[in-house]
Amino acid sequence: MFKFCYSIILFLVYGNGVFVWALKFVDSGFGALIASTQPLFVLFLLRLIDRKLLQRKSLIGVALGMIGMYLLVSQQELTTSEGSLLGVFMILTCVLSWSYGSVFVSKADLPKSFLVTTGYQMLVAGLVLSIASISFNETWSSPLSWSYNVQISMFLLITFGGIVAFTAFNYLLKVVSPEKVSTSAYVNPVIALIMGWYFLDENLTLQSIIASFILLTGVYFITSRKRK
């Protein structure tokens, strides 16, 4: 039970909840750049915990991923505001929390049903974050008052971004090495870029295409390394 609650705090309560809060102080593009360091955190945590040697392909993959992420977000002007240093620090702790959670869950004895694991994690995390929101006197509004586009977006986030993606994440942590699972920090921005171009007619620049290529190359290096 302790391990289960611990994973909830590491992933959803702190890793996600505090990250979203920190974006009040940091530009979202800069936040994505910081989040791209997750595979590097995972590799070093594995080195500390399991005494695993950092393979050359893994290091090359992480380096390429960070370069690609920088190229992707550097096209937009990164703005800073009051409290930006606090935001950067908190995002780094969130990335560390999610990275350690990935390593922890890959080794923990959790329920074998990944749907059950995901359901309990989201239910408990939702209750904890709701209590935290009320404690900070945040404004609440009924979903019925949201616009149609917001309702559709929330439905897609809950269904695919939450239930499907997080269930797959829990499953992969048990069958694939944590550093390979963490490469989603590289792939997600590329998918968002393509969907923005296709659905919202956003400009897809040559620099974006080059950055996406470098990101996916970095993912290849990490996922193609030999397990020792």
C-alpha atoms as a PDB file:
ATOM      1  CA  MET A   1       0.000   0.000   0.000  1.00  0.00           C
ATOM      2  CA  PHE A   2       2.853   2.371   0.837  1.00  0.00           C
ATOM      3  CA  LYS A   3       4.508   1.733  -2.530  1.00  0.00           C
ATOM      4  CA  PHE A   4       1.226   2.380  -4.317  1.00  0.00           C
ATOM      5  CA  CYS A   5       0.642   5.720  -2.549  1.00  0.00           C
ATOM      6  CA  TYR A   6       4.272   6.653  -3.085  1.00  0.00           C
ATOM      7  CA  SER A   7       3.921   6.181  -6.850  1.00  0.00           C
ATOM      8  CA  ILE A   8       0.804   8.399  -6.865  1.00  0.00           C
ATOM      9  CA  ILE A   9       2.673  11.229  -5.147  1.00  0.00           C
ATOM     10  CA  LEU A  10       5.709  10.941  -7.409  1.00  0.00           C
ATOM     11  CA  PHE A  11       3.745  10.880 -10.667  1.00  0.00           C
ATOM     12  CA  LEU A  12       0.403  12.641 -10.495  1.00  0.00           C
ATOM     13  CA  VAL A  13       0.307  14.723  -7.315  1.00  0.00           C
ATOM     14  CA  TYR A  14       3.786  16.237  -7.452  1.00  0.00           C
ATOM     15  CA  GLY A  15       5.120  15.382 -10.903  1.00  0.00           C
ATOM     16  CA  ASN A  16       2.020  16.627 -12.758  1.00  0.00           C
ATOM     17  CA  GLY A  17       0.220  18.879 -10.290  1.00  0.00           C
ATOM     18  CA  VAL A  18       3.168  21.017  -9.231  1.00  0.00           C
ATOM     19  CA  PHE A  19       4.482  21.143 -12.809  1.00  0.00           C
ATOM     20  CA  VAL A  20       1.245  22.738 -14.022  1.00  0.00           C
ATOM     21  CA  TRP A  21       1.337  25.192 -11.113  1.00  0.00           C
ATOM     22  CA  ALA A  22       4.952  26.148 -11.928  1.00  0.00           C
ATOM     23  CA  LEU A  23       3.967  27.084 -15.482  1.00  0.00           C
ATOM     24  CA  LYS A  24       2.446  30.247 -14.014  1.00  0.00           C
ATOM     25  CA  PHE A  25       6.001  31.554 -13.649  1.00  0.00           C
ATOM     26  CA  VAL A  26       7.755  29.973 -16.643  1.00  0.00           C
ATOM     27  CA  ASP A  27       7.016  30.053 -20.358  1.00  0.00           C
ATOM     28  CA  SER A  28       5.534  26.740 -21.510  1.00  0.00           C
ATOM     29  CA  GLY A  29       8.212  26.284 -24.178  1.00  0.00           C
ATOM     30  CA  PHE A  30      10.950  26.700 -21.612  1.00  0.00           C
ATOM     31  CA  GLY A  31       9.096  24.269 -19.347  1.00  0.00           C
ATOM     32  CA  ALA A  32       9.064  21.697 -22.153  1.00  0.00           C
ATOM     33  CA  LEU A  33      12.789  22.176 -22.621  1.00  0.00           C
ATOM     34  CA  ILE A  34      13.406  21.472 -18.936  1.00  0.00           C
ATOM     35  CA  ALA A  35      11.103  18.421 -19.054  1.00  0.00           C
ATOM     36  CA  SER A  36      13.183  17.001 -21.905  1.00  0.00           C
ATOM     37  CA  THR A  37      15.961  16.306 -19.389  1.00  0.00           C
ATOM     38  CA  GLN A  38      13.919  13.443 -17.912  1.00  0.00           C
ATOM     39  CA  PRO A  39      15.785  10.614 -19.711  1.00  0.00           C
ATOM     40  CA  LEU A  40      19.053  12.045 -18.420  1.00  0.00           C
ATOM     41  CA  PHE A  41      17.661  12.029 -14.860  1.00  0.00           C
ATOM     42  CA  VAL A  42      16.506   8.420 -15.314  1.00  0.00           C
ATOM     43  CA  LEU A  43      19.877   7.270 -16.615  1.00  0.00           C
ATOM     44  CA  PHE A  44      21.752   8.842 -13.705  1.00  0.00           C
ATOM     45  CA  LEU A  45      19.248   7.460 -11.173  1.00  0.00           C
ATOM     46  CA  LEU A  46      19.751   3.975 -12.622  1.00  0.00           C
ATOM     47  CA  ARG A  47      23.480   4.530 -12.330  1.00  0.00           C
ATOM     48  CA  LEU A  48      23.127   5.459  -8.642  1.00  0.00           C
ATOM     49  CA  ILE A  49      20.560   2.806  -7.691  1.00  0.00           C
ATOM     50  CA  ASP A  50      21.552  -0.192  -9.826  1.00  0.00           C
ATOM     51  CA  ARG A  51      25.156   0.783 -10.514  1.00  0.00           C
ATOM     52  CA  LYS A  52      24.359   0.523 -14.220  1.00  0.00           C
ATOM     53  CA  LEU A  53      27.008   1.834 -16.561  1.00  0.00           C
ATOM     54  CA  LEU A  54      25.833   4.592 -18.891  1.00  0.00           C
ATOM     55  CA  GLN A  55      26.121   3.136 -22.363  1.00  0.00           C
ATOM     56  CA  ARG A  56      27.392   5.272 -25.205  1.00  0.00           C
ATOM     57  CA  LYS A  57      24.180   4.976 -27.220  1.00  0.00           C
ATOM     58  CA  SER A  58      22.090   6.150 -24.272  1.00  0.00           C
ATOM     59  CA  LEU A  59      24.255   9.208 -23.721  1.00  0.00           C
ATOM     60  CA  ILE A  60      24.215  10.080 -27.434  1.00  0.00           C
ATOM     61  CA  GLY A  61      20.428   9.680 -27.477  1.00  0.00           C
ATOM     62  CA  VAL A  62      19.936  11.988 -24.511  1.00  0.00           C
ATOM     63  CA  ALA A  63      22.260  14.602 -26.011  1.00  0.00           C
ATOM     64  CA  LEU A  64      20.470  14.536 -29.369  1.00  0.00           C
ATOM     65  CA  GLY A  65      17.087  14.738 -27.657  1.00  0.00           C
ATOM     66  CA  MET A  66      18.041  17.844 -25.707  1.00  0.00           C
ATOM     67  CA  ILE A  67      19.507  19.508 -28.811  1.00  0.00           C
ATOM     68  CA  GLY A  68      16.363  18.750 -30.793  1.00  0.00           C
ATOM     69  CA  MET A  69      14.121  20.044 -28.013  1.00  0.00           C
ATOM     70  CA  TYR A  70      16.133  23.257 -27.837  1.00  0.00           C
ATOM     71  CA  LEU A  71      15.769  23.802 -31.585  1.00  0.00           C
ATOM     72  CA  LEU A  72      12.058  23.159 -31.326  1.00  0.00           C
ATOM     73  CA  VAL A  73      11.269  25.630 -28.544  1.00  0.00           C
ATOM     74  CA  SER A  74      13.895  28.249 -29.388  1.00  0.00           C
ATOM     75  CA  GLN A  75      11.744  29.469 -32.279  1.00  0.00           C
ATOM     76  CA  GLN A  76       9.457  31.211 -29.795  1.00  0.00           C
ATOM     77  CA  GLU A  77      10.670  33.979 -27.568  1.00  0.00           C
ATOM     78  CA  LEU A  78      11.005  32.689 -24.029  1.00  0.00           C
ATOM     79  CA  THR A  79       9.556  35.191 -21.625  1.00  0.00           C
ATOM     80  CA  THR A  80      10.375  35.480 -17.986  1.00  0.00           C
ATOM     81  CA  SER A  81       8.296  36.933 -15.234  1.00  0.00           C
ATOM     82  CA  GLU A  82       8.492  37.528 -11.517  1.00  0.00           C
ATOM     83  CA  GLY A  83       9.102  34.223  -9.797  1.00  0.00           C
ATOM     84  CA  SER A  84      10.686  32.586 -12.870  1.00  0.00           C
ATOM     85  CA  LEU A  85      13.590  31.181 -10.843  1.00  0.00           C
ATOM     86  CA  LEU A  86      11.097  29.536  -8.486  1.00  0.00           C
ATOM     87  CA  GLY A  87       9.228  28.117 -11.472  1.00  0.00           C
ATOM     88  CA  VAL A  88      12.400  26.680 -13.015  1.00  0.00           C
ATOM     89  CA  PHE A  89      13.451  25.113  -9.713  1.00  0.00           C
ATOM     90  CA  MET A  90      10.024  23.557  -9.116  1.00  0.00           C
ATOM     91  CA  ILE A  91       9.853  22.134 -12.648  1.00  0.00           C
ATOM     92  CA  LEU A  92      13.268  20.535 -12.170  1.00  0.00           C
ATOM     93  CA  THR A  93      12.058  18.906  -8.948  1.00  0.00           C
ATOM     94  CA  CYS A  94       8.958  17.685 -10.814  1.00  0.00           C
ATOM     95  CA  VAL A  95      11.106  16.118 -13.533  1.00  0.00           C
ATOM     96  CA  LEU A  96      13.226  14.483 -10.846  1.00  0.00           C
ATOM     97  CA  SER A  97      10.063  13.222  -9.117  1.00  0.00           C
ATOM     98  CA  TRP A  98       8.671  11.728 -12.337  1.00  0.00           C
ATOM     99  CA  SER A  99      12.047  10.201 -13.212  1.00  0.00           C
ATOM    100  CA  TYR A 100      12.457   8.590  -9.805  1.00  0.00           C
ATOM    101  CA  GLY A 101       8.840   7.426  -9.987  1.00  0.00           C
ATOM    102  CA  SER A 102       9.591   5.691 -13.297  1.00  0.00           C
ATOM    103  CA  VAL A 103      12.521   3.828 -11.765  1.00  0.00           C
ATOM    104  CA  PHE A 104      10.556   3.066  -8.575  1.00  0.00           C
ATOM    105  CA  VAL A 105       7.457   1.667 -10.330  1.00  0.00           C
ATOM    106  CA  SER A 106       9.577  -0.471 -12.644  1.00  0.00           C
ATOM    107  CA  LYS A 107      10.809  -2.306  -9.533  1.00  0.00           C
ATOM    108  CA  ALA A 108       7.803  -2.052  -7.174  1.00  0.00           C
ATOM    109  CA  ASP A 109       5.312  -4.860  -6.573  1.00  0.00           C
ATOM    110  CA  LEU A 110       2.095  -3.146  -7.685  1.00  0.00           C
ATOM    111  CA  PRO A 111      -1.256  -4.681  -8.814  1.00  0.00           C
ATOM    112  CA  LYS A 112      -0.798  -6.761 -11.965  1.00  0.00           C
ATOM    113  CA  SER A 113      -3.837  -5.194 -13.606  1.00  0.00           C
ATOM    114  CA  PHE A 114      -2.609  -1.990 -15.190  1.00  0.00           C
ATOM    115  CA  LEU A 115      -6.176  -0.676 -15.560  1.00  0.00           C
ATOM    116  CA  VAL A 116      -6.718  -1.116 -11.817  1.00  0.00           C
ATOM    117  CA  THR A 117      -3.390   0.551 -11.049  1.00  0.00           C
ATOM    118  CA  THR A 118      -4.174   3.516 -13.305  1.00  0.00           C
ATOM    119  CA  GLY A 119      -7.715   3.859 -11.934  1.00  0.00           C
ATOM    120  CA  TYR A 120      -6.640   3.955  -8.296  1.00  0.00           C
ATOM    121  CA  GLN A 121      -3.742   6.291  -9.009  1.00  0.00           C
ATOM    122  CA  MET A 122      -5.923   8.812 -10.835  1.00  0.00           C
ATOM    123  CA  LEU A 123      -8.770   8.591  -8.331  1.00  0.00           C
ATOM    124  CA  VAL A 124      -6.549   9.191  -5.301  1.00  0.00           C
ATOM    125  CA  ALA A 125      -4.468  11.853  -7.062  1.00  0.00           C
ATOM    126  CA  GLY A 126      -7.647  13.632  -8.177  1.00  0.00           C
ATOM    127  CA  LEU A 127      -8.936  13.760  -4.618  1.00  0.00           C
ATOM    128  CA  VAL A 128      -5.612  15.023  -3.243  1.00  0.00           C
ATOM    129  CA  LEU A 129      -5.290  17.712  -5.930  1.00  0.00           C
ATOM    130  CA  SER A 130      -8.918  18.753  -5.392  1.00  0.00           C
ATOM    131  CA  ILE A 131      -8.267  19.251  -1.693  1.00  0.00           C
ATOM    132  CA  ALA A 132      -5.108  21.220  -2.531  1.00  0.00           C
ATOM    133  CA  SER A 133      -7.053  23.385  -4.993  1.00  0.00           C
ATOM    134  CA  ILE A 134      -9.703  24.180  -2.405  1.00  0.00           C
ATOM    135  CA  SER A 135      -7.001  24.958   0.146  1.00  0.00           C
ATOM    136  CA  PHE A 136      -5.496  27.542  -2.232  1.00  0.00           C
ATOM    137  CA  ASN A 137      -8.958  29.050  -2.899  1.00  0.00           C
ATOM    138  CA  GLU A 138      -8.784  28.416  -6.633  1.00  0.00           C
ATOM    139  CA  THR A 139     -11.838  29.252  -8.751  1.00  0.00           C
ATOM    140  CA  TRP A 140     -13.996  26.280  -9.746  1.00  0.00           C
ATOM    141  CA  SER A 141     -16.489  26.178 -12.631  1.00  0.00           C
ATOM    142  CA  SER A 142     -18.995  23.580 -13.799  1.00  0.00           C
ATOM    143  CA  PRO A 143     -18.065  21.583 -16.930  1.00  0.00           C
ATOM    144  CA  LEU A 144     -21.505  22.552 -18.250  1.00  0.00           C
ATOM    145  CA  SER A 145     -20.362  26.178 -18.411  1.00  0.00           C
ATOM    146  CA  TRP A 146     -17.308  25.358 -20.520  1.00  0.00           C
ATOM    147  CA  SER A 147     -17.301  26.025 -24.244  1.00  0.00           C
ATOM    148  CA  TYR A 148     -17.822  23.112 -26.633  1.00  0.00           C
ATOM    149  CA  ASN A 149     -14.159  23.094 -27.686  1.00  0.00           C
ATOM    150  CA  VAL A 150     -13.010  22.985 -24.067  1.00  0.00           C
ATOM    151  CA  GLN A 151     -15.392  20.102 -23.318  1.00  0.00           C
ATOM    152  CA  ILE A 152     -14.088  18.130 -26.301  1.00  0.00           C
ATOM    153  CA  SER A 153     -10.489  18.891 -25.320  1.00  0.00           C
ATOM    154  CA  MET A 154     -11.078  17.709 -21.749  1.00  0.00           C
ATOM    155  CA  PHE A 155     -12.740  14.529 -23.007  1.00  0.00           C
ATOM    156  CA  LEU A 156      -9.757  13.754 -25.240  1.00  0.00           C
ATOM    157  CA  LEU A 157      -7.305  14.544 -22.430  1.00  0.00           C
ATOM    158  CA  ILE A 158      -9.131  12.314 -19.962  1.00  0.00           C
ATOM    159  CA  THR A 159      -9.635   9.439 -22.400  1.00  0.00           C
ATOM    160  CA  PHE A 160      -6.401   9.352 -24.359  1.00  0.00           C
ATOM    161  CA  GLY A 161      -4.011  11.597 -22.442  1.00  0.00           C
ATOM    162  CA  GLY A 162      -5.066  10.098 -19.111  1.00  0.00           C
ATOM    163  CA  ILE A 163      -6.639   6.630 -19.201  1.00  0.00           C
ATOM    164  CA  VAL A 164      -4.999   5.229 -22.346  1.00  0.00           C
ATOM    165  CA  ALA A 165      -1.592   6.905 -22.079  1.00  0.00           C
ATOM    166  CA  PHE A 166      -1.052   6.442 -18.343  1.00  0.00           C
ATOM    167  CA  THR A 167      -2.192   2.807 -18.470  1.00  0.00           C
ATOM    168  CA  ALA A 168       0.281   2.183 -21.291  1.00  0.00           C
ATOM    169  CA  PHE A 169       2.926   4.017 -19.253  1.00  0.00           C
ATOM    170  CA  ASN A 170       2.371   1.752 -16.229  1.00  0.00           C
ATOM    171  CA  TYR A 171       2.498  -1.316 -18.469  1.00  0.00           C
ATOM    172  CA  LEU A 172       5.698  -0.293 -20.251  1.00  0.00           C
ATOM    173  CA  LEU A 173       7.490   0.375 -16.951  1.00  0.00           C
ATOM    174  CA  LYS A 174       7.114  -3.345 -16.206  1.00  0.00           C
ATOM    175  CA  VAL A 175       8.263  -4.683 -19.585  1.00  0.00           C
ATOM    176  CA  VAL A 176      10.691  -2.034 -20.881  1.00  0.00           C
ATOM    177  CA  SER A 177      13.614  -0.245 -19.238  1.00  0.00           C
ATOM    178  CA  PRO A 178      12.658   3.085 -17.570  1.00  0.00           C
ATOM    179  CA  GLU A 179      15.022   5.148 -19.714  1.00  0.00           C
ATOM    180  CA  LYS A 180      13.272   3.900 -22.850  1.00  0.00           C
ATOM    181  CA  VAL A 181       9.854   4.781 -21.440  1.00  0.00           C
ATOM    182  CA  SER A 182      11.101   8.267 -20.553  1.00  0.00           C
ATOM    183  CA  THR A 183      11.743   9.027 -24.238  1.00  0.00           C
ATOM    184  CA  SER A 184       8.101  10.131 -24.416  1.00  0.00           C
ATOM    185  CA  ALA A 185       9.466  13.473 -23.192  1.00  0.00           C
ATOM    186  CA  TYR A 186      11.003  13.788 -26.641  1.00  0.00           C
ATOM    187  CA  VAL A 187       8.223  12.338 -28.780  1.00  0.00           C
ATOM    188  CA  ASN A 188       5.287  14.268 -27.287  1.00  0.00           C
ATOM    189  CA  PRO A 189       6.380  17.719 -28.546  1.00  0.00           C
ATOM    190  CA  VAL A 190       6.872  16.320 -32.062  1.00  0.00           C
ATOM    191  CA  ILE A 191       3.353  14.865 -32.062  1.00  0.00           C
ATOM    192  CA  ALA A 192       1.963  18.163 -30.766  1.00  0.00           C
ATOM    193  CA  LEU A 193       3.801  19.997 -33.537  1.00  0.00           C
ATOM    194  CA  ILE A 194       2.352  17.769 -36.271  1.00  0.00           C
ATOM    195  CA  MET A 195      -1.195  17.935 -34.865  1.00  0.00           C
ATOM    196  CA  GLY A 196      -0.989  21.726 -34.567  1.00  0.00           C
ATOM    197  CA  TRP A 197       0.038  21.943 -38.229  1.00  0.00           C
ATOM    198  CA  TYR A 198      -2.670  19.526 -39.406  1.00  0.00           C
ATOM    199  CA  PHE A 199      -5.638  20.638 -37.291  1.00  0.00           C
ATOM    200  CA  LEU A 200      -4.874  24.287 -36.498  1.00  0.00           C
ATOM    201  CA  ASP A 201      -2.951  25.320 -39.648  1.00  0.00           C
ATOM    202  CA  GLU A 202       0.043  26.295 -37.544  1.00  0.00           C
ATOM    203  CA  ASN A 203       3.232  27.115 -39.396  1.00  0.00           C
ATOM    204  CA  LEU A 204       5.568  24.135 -39.783  1.00  0.00           C
ATOM    205  CA  THR A 205       9.027  25.604 -40.337  1.00  0.00           C
ATOM    206  CA  LEU A 206      12.175  23.962 -41.625  1.00  0.00           C
ATOM    207  CA  GLN A 207      13.736  24.353 -38.168  1.00  0.00           C
ATOM    208  CA  SER A 208      10.788  22.443 -36.685  1.00  0.00           C
ATOM    209  CA  ILE A 209      11.279  19.593 -39.154  1.00  0.00           C
ATOM    210  CA  ILE A 210      15.026  19.448 -38.412  1.00  0.00           C
ATOM    211  CA  ALA A 211      14.362  19.514 -34.652  1.00  0.00           C
ATOM    212  CA  SER A 212      11.819  16.687 -34.963  1.00  0.00           C
ATOM    213  CA  PHE A 213      14.311  14.592 -36.934  1.00  0.00           C
ATOM    214  CA  ILE A 214      17.007  15.102 -34.287  1.00  0.00           C
ATOM    215  CA  LEU A 215      14.544  14.243 -31.507  1.00  0.00           C
ATOM    216  CA  LEU A 216      13.467  10.986 -33.132  1.00  0.00           C
ATOM    217  CA  THR A 217      17.097  10.096 -33.839  1.00  0.00           C
ATOM    218  CA  GLY A 218      17.823  10.538 -30.143  1.00  0.00           C
ATOM    219  CA  VAL A 219      14.908   8.244 -29.295  1.00  0.00           C
ATOM    220  CA  TYR A 220      16.325   5.645 -31.686  1.00  0.00           C
ATOM    221  CA  PHE A 221      19.725   5.671 -29.977  1.00  0.00           C
ATOM    222  CA  ILE A 222      18.170   5.100 -26.550  1.00  0.00           C
ATOM    223  CA  THR A 223      15.687   2.421 -27.634  1.00  0.00           C
ATOM    224  CA  SER A 224      18.227   0.521 -29.767  1.00  0.00           C
ATOM    225  CA  ARG A 225      20.877   0.146 -27.092  1.00  0.00           C
ATOM    226  CA  LYS A 226      21.656  -3.345 -25.861  1.00  0.00           C
ATOM    227  CA  ARG A 227      20.439  -4.247 -22.375  1.00  0.00           C
ATOM    228  CA  LYS A 228      23.135  -5.567 -20.075  1.00  0.00           C
END
